[in-house]
Amino acid sequence: MKKVMIFGTFDGIHKGHLDLFRQAKKYGDYLVVSVARDVNVKKVKNKLPVKNENERLKDLQNCPLIEQVLLGYEDNPYRIIGEVKPDIICLGYDQSSFTEKLEEKLKEMGLKPEIHRLKPYQPEKYHSSIINKKS
């Protein structure tokens, strides 16, 4: 079994997210999604998400493309990777938070997953920042 892991806020599931999950699933057969904690979203985006972390977690648990959904950690966003030990990590096309030190942190944990950057899906239309402005 090849375990694929992705991370994000996922503030309202939309077609862009579904495409991200489908792309990630092409790399393996077990998709694990780590949901960003509210406190970390606030640090990175300078605002809280529209839906709180438990609502976002529940939304993803209802998605048939995902096998496992976990809340990340407030103190160390890389810690969840050490617990899951994925074979592959997929990053969103615009994902920059916590990616600059990712390879260094993986090496510290003794992990060597493949890392893939996924393609955007109509980003001018399906991006949470655009969709959440409309609502």
C-alpha atoms as a PDB file:
ATOM      1  CA  MET A   1       0.000   0.000   0.000  1.00  0.00           C
ATOM      2  CA  LYS A   2       1.353   3.409  -1.014  1.00  0.00           C
ATOM      3  CA  LYS A   3       0.385   6.133   1.419  1.00  0.00           C
ATOM      4  CA  VAL A   4      -0.013   9.656   0.025  1.00  0.00           C
ATOM      5  CA  MET A   5      -0.289  12.695   2.271  1.00  0.00           C
ATOM      6  CA  ILE A   6      -1.511  16.224   1.595  1.00  0.00           C
ATOM      7  CA  PHE A   7      -1.965  19.237   3.860  1.00  0.00           C
ATOM      8  CA  GLY A   8      -4.097  22.329   3.828  1.00  0.00           C
ATOM      9  CA  THR A   9      -6.776  24.498   5.313  1.00  0.00           C
ATOM     10  CA  PHE A  10      -9.639  23.175   3.143  1.00  0.00           C
ATOM     11  CA  ASP A  11     -12.020  25.946   4.133  1.00  0.00           C
ATOM     12  CA  GLY A  12     -15.087  24.790   2.219  1.00  0.00           C
ATOM     13  CA  ILE A  13     -14.545  21.866  -0.149  1.00  0.00           C
ATOM     14  CA  HIS A  14     -14.748  22.902  -3.803  1.00  0.00           C
ATOM     15  CA  LYS A  15     -13.902  21.448  -7.239  1.00  0.00           C
ATOM     16  CA  GLY A  16     -10.284  22.587  -6.916  1.00  0.00           C
ATOM     17  CA  HIS A  17      -9.891  20.527  -3.735  1.00  0.00           C
ATOM     18  CA  LEU A  18     -11.573  17.505  -5.315  1.00  0.00           C
ATOM     19  CA  ASP A  19      -9.168  17.727  -8.245  1.00  0.00           C
ATOM     20  CA  LEU A  20      -6.249  17.979  -5.788  1.00  0.00           C
ATOM     21  CA  PHE A  21      -7.430  14.791  -4.063  1.00  0.00           C
ATOM     22  CA  ARG A  22      -7.824  12.982  -7.418  1.00  0.00           C
ATOM     23  CA  GLN A  23      -4.344  14.042  -8.524  1.00  0.00           C
ATOM     24  CA  ALA A  24      -2.842  12.898  -5.211  1.00  0.00           C
ATOM     25  CA  LYS A  25      -4.613   9.526  -5.445  1.00  0.00           C
ATOM     26  CA  LYS A  26      -2.791   8.840  -8.721  1.00  0.00           C
ATOM     27  CA  TYR A  27       0.429   8.502  -6.707  1.00  0.00           C
ATOM     28  CA  GLY A  28      -0.877   5.895  -4.285  1.00  0.00           C
ATOM     29  CA  ASP A  29      -3.879   4.046  -2.960  1.00  0.00           C
ATOM     30  CA  TYR A  30      -4.319   5.479   0.546  1.00  0.00           C
ATOM     31  CA  LEU A  31      -4.859   9.230   0.871  1.00  0.00           C
ATOM     32  CA  VAL A  32      -4.223  10.934   4.206  1.00  0.00           C
ATOM     33  CA  VAL A  33      -5.231  14.583   4.592  1.00  0.00           C
ATOM     34  CA  SER A  34      -3.842  16.752   7.370  1.00  0.00           C
ATOM     35  CA  VAL A  35      -6.104  19.678   8.226  1.00  0.00           C
ATOM     36  CA  ALA A  36      -4.433  22.882   9.389  1.00  0.00           C
ATOM     37  CA  ARG A  37      -5.266  23.975  12.909  1.00  0.00           C
ATOM     38  CA  ASP A  38      -7.098  27.280  13.307  1.00  0.00           C
ATOM     39  CA  VAL A  39      -4.194  28.837  15.213  1.00  0.00           C
ATOM     40  CA  ASN A  40      -1.754  27.963  12.401  1.00  0.00           C
ATOM     41  CA  VAL A  41      -4.110  29.260   9.697  1.00  0.00           C
ATOM     42  CA  LYS A  42      -4.307  32.533  11.630  1.00  0.00           C
ATOM     43  CA  LYS A  43      -0.486  32.722  11.778  1.00  0.00           C
ATOM     44  CA  VAL A  44      -0.051  32.006   8.068  1.00  0.00           C
ATOM     45  CA  LYS A  45      -3.019  33.832   6.525  1.00  0.00           C
ATOM     46  CA  ASN A  46      -3.460  36.524   9.170  1.00  0.00           C
ATOM     47  CA  LYS A  47      -7.126  35.569   9.545  1.00  0.00           C
ATOM     48  CA  LEU A  48      -9.186  32.670  10.787  1.00  0.00           C
ATOM     49  CA  PRO A  49     -10.840  30.342   8.283  1.00  0.00           C
ATOM     50  CA  VAL A  50     -14.590  30.681   7.687  1.00  0.00           C
ATOM     51  CA  LYS A  51     -15.138  27.165   9.078  1.00  0.00           C
ATOM     52  CA  ASN A  52     -13.399  26.080  12.274  1.00  0.00           C
ATOM     53  CA  GLU A  53     -10.985  23.143  12.298  1.00  0.00           C
ATOM     54  CA  ASN A  54     -13.590  20.628  13.484  1.00  0.00           C
ATOM     55  CA  GLU A  55     -16.044  21.632  10.750  1.00  0.00           C
ATOM     56  CA  ARG A  56     -13.312  21.375   8.123  1.00  0.00           C
ATOM     57  CA  LEU A  57     -12.239  17.992   9.511  1.00  0.00           C
ATOM     58  CA  LYS A  58     -15.808  16.684   9.329  1.00  0.00           C
ATOM     59  CA  ASP A  59     -16.276  17.972   5.748  1.00  0.00           C
ATOM     60  CA  LEU A  60     -13.205  16.021   4.650  1.00  0.00           C
ATOM     61  CA  GLN A  61     -14.220  12.871   6.528  1.00  0.00           C
ATOM     62  CA  ASN A  62     -17.293  12.782   4.292  1.00  0.00           C
ATOM     63  CA  CYS A  63     -15.220  12.874   1.083  1.00  0.00           C
ATOM     64  CA  PRO A  64     -15.054   9.413  -0.582  1.00  0.00           C
ATOM     65  CA  LEU A  65     -11.650  10.183  -2.168  1.00  0.00           C
ATOM     66  CA  ILE A  66      -9.941  10.333   1.249  1.00  0.00           C
ATOM     67  CA  GLU A  67      -9.093   7.349   3.439  1.00  0.00           C
ATOM     68  CA  GLN A  68      -7.914   9.210   6.558  1.00  0.00           C
ATOM     69  CA  VAL A  69      -8.286  12.777   7.851  1.00  0.00           C
ATOM     70  CA  LEU A  70      -6.250  14.122  10.745  1.00  0.00           C
ATOM     71  CA  LEU A  71      -5.891  17.455  12.486  1.00  0.00           C
ATOM     72  CA  GLY A  72      -2.350  18.758  12.334  1.00  0.00           C
ATOM     73  CA  TYR A  73      -0.504  19.929  15.425  1.00  0.00           C
ATOM     74  CA  GLU A  74      -0.517  23.476  16.722  1.00  0.00           C
ATOM     75  CA  ASP A  75       3.085  23.410  17.961  1.00  0.00           C
ATOM     76  CA  ASN A  76       4.800  21.601  15.090  1.00  0.00           C
ATOM     77  CA  PRO A  77       3.201  21.256  11.654  1.00  0.00           C
ATOM     78  CA  TYR A  78       5.779  18.625  10.613  1.00  0.00           C
ATOM     79  CA  ARG A  79       5.052  16.278  13.546  1.00  0.00           C
ATOM     80  CA  ILE A  80       2.040  14.676  11.830  1.00  0.00           C
ATOM     81  CA  ILE A  81       4.292  13.565   8.944  1.00  0.00           C
ATOM     82  CA  GLY A  82       6.471  11.627  11.385  1.00  0.00           C
ATOM     83  CA  GLU A  83       3.401   9.814  12.683  1.00  0.00           C
ATOM     84  CA  VAL A  84       1.860   9.025   9.296  1.00  0.00           C
ATOM     85  CA  LYS A  85       5.166   8.166   7.555  1.00  0.00           C
ATOM     86  CA  PRO A  86       3.838   8.701   4.024  1.00  0.00           C
ATOM     87  CA  ASP A  87       5.503   7.238   0.941  1.00  0.00           C
ATOM     88  CA  ILE A  88       4.552  10.351  -1.012  1.00  0.00           C
ATOM     89  CA  ILE A  89       3.783  13.953  -0.075  1.00  0.00           C
ATOM     90  CA  CYS A  90       1.761  16.013  -2.535  1.00  0.00           C
ATOM     91  CA  LEU A  91       1.770  19.781  -2.315  1.00  0.00           C
ATOM     92  CA  GLY A  92      -0.786  22.135  -3.771  1.00  0.00           C
ATOM     93  CA  TYR A  93       0.313  24.312  -6.685  1.00  0.00           C
ATOM     94  CA  ASP A  94       0.252  27.440  -4.494  1.00  0.00           C
ATOM     95  CA  GLN A  95       1.251  25.880  -1.193  1.00  0.00           C
ATOM     96  CA  SER A  96       4.167  27.727   0.356  1.00  0.00           C
ATOM     97  CA  SER A  97       3.626  27.524   4.118  1.00  0.00           C
ATOM     98  CA  PHE A  98       5.908  25.019   5.806  1.00  0.00           C
ATOM     99  CA  THR A  99       7.301  23.818   2.461  1.00  0.00           C
ATOM    100  CA  GLU A 100      10.571  25.784   2.531  1.00  0.00           C
ATOM    101  CA  LYS A 101      12.009  23.560   5.299  1.00  0.00           C
ATOM    102  CA  LEU A 102      10.116  20.392   4.388  1.00  0.00           C
ATOM    103  CA  GLU A 103      13.045  18.397   2.971  1.00  0.00           C
ATOM    104  CA  GLU A 104      15.258  19.395   5.910  1.00  0.00           C
ATOM    105  CA  LYS A 105      12.580  18.353   8.439  1.00  0.00           C
ATOM    106  CA  LEU A 106      11.982  15.047   6.632  1.00  0.00           C
ATOM    107  CA  LYS A 107      15.708  14.287   6.776  1.00  0.00           C
ATOM    108  CA  GLU A 108      15.733  15.063  10.536  1.00  0.00           C
ATOM    109  CA  MET A 109      12.877  12.553  10.971  1.00  0.00           C
ATOM    110  CA  GLY A 110      14.664   9.922   8.885  1.00  0.00           C
ATOM    111  CA  LEU A 111      11.924   9.966   6.241  1.00  0.00           C
ATOM    112  CA  LYS A 112      12.394   9.935   2.460  1.00  0.00           C
ATOM    113  CA  PRO A 113       8.993  10.309   0.823  1.00  0.00           C
ATOM    114  CA  GLU A 114       8.727  11.438  -2.788  1.00  0.00           C
ATOM    115  CA  ILE A 115       7.486  15.022  -3.018  1.00  0.00           C
ATOM    116  CA  HIS A 116       5.228  16.105  -5.871  1.00  0.00           C
ATOM    117  CA  ARG A 117       3.793  19.537  -6.658  1.00  0.00           C
ATOM    118  CA  LEU A 118       0.273  19.169  -8.067  1.00  0.00           C
ATOM    119  CA  LYS A 119      -1.256  21.178 -10.890  1.00  0.00           C
ATOM    120  CA  PRO A 120      -3.889  23.885 -10.399  1.00  0.00           C
ATOM    121  CA  TYR A 121      -7.504  23.335 -11.403  1.00  0.00           C
ATOM    122  CA  GLN A 122      -9.093  26.548 -12.687  1.00  0.00           C
ATOM    123  CA  PRO A 123      -7.429  28.632  -9.915  1.00  0.00           C
ATOM    124  CA  GLU A 124      -9.123  31.802 -11.106  1.00  0.00           C
ATOM    125  CA  LYS A 125     -12.447  30.176 -10.222  1.00  0.00           C
ATOM    126  CA  TYR A 126     -11.784  27.467  -7.605  1.00  0.00           C
ATOM    127  CA  HIS A 127      -9.656  28.890  -4.836  1.00  0.00           C
ATOM    128  CA  SER A 128     -10.924  29.199  -1.264  1.00  0.00           C
ATOM    129  CA  SER A 129      -9.894  32.848  -1.003  1.00  0.00           C
ATOM    130  CA  ILE A 130     -12.078  33.681  -4.035  1.00  0.00           C
ATOM    131  CA  ILE A 131     -15.021  31.469  -3.053  1.00  0.00           C
ATOM    132  CA  ASN A 132     -15.085  32.634   0.584  1.00  0.00           C
ATOM    133  CA  LYS A 133     -15.153  36.303  -0.508  1.00  0.00           C
ATOM    134  CA  LYS A 134     -18.378  35.610  -2.401  1.00  0.00           C
ATOM    135  CA  SER A 135     -20.165  34.074   0.595  1.00  0.00           C
END
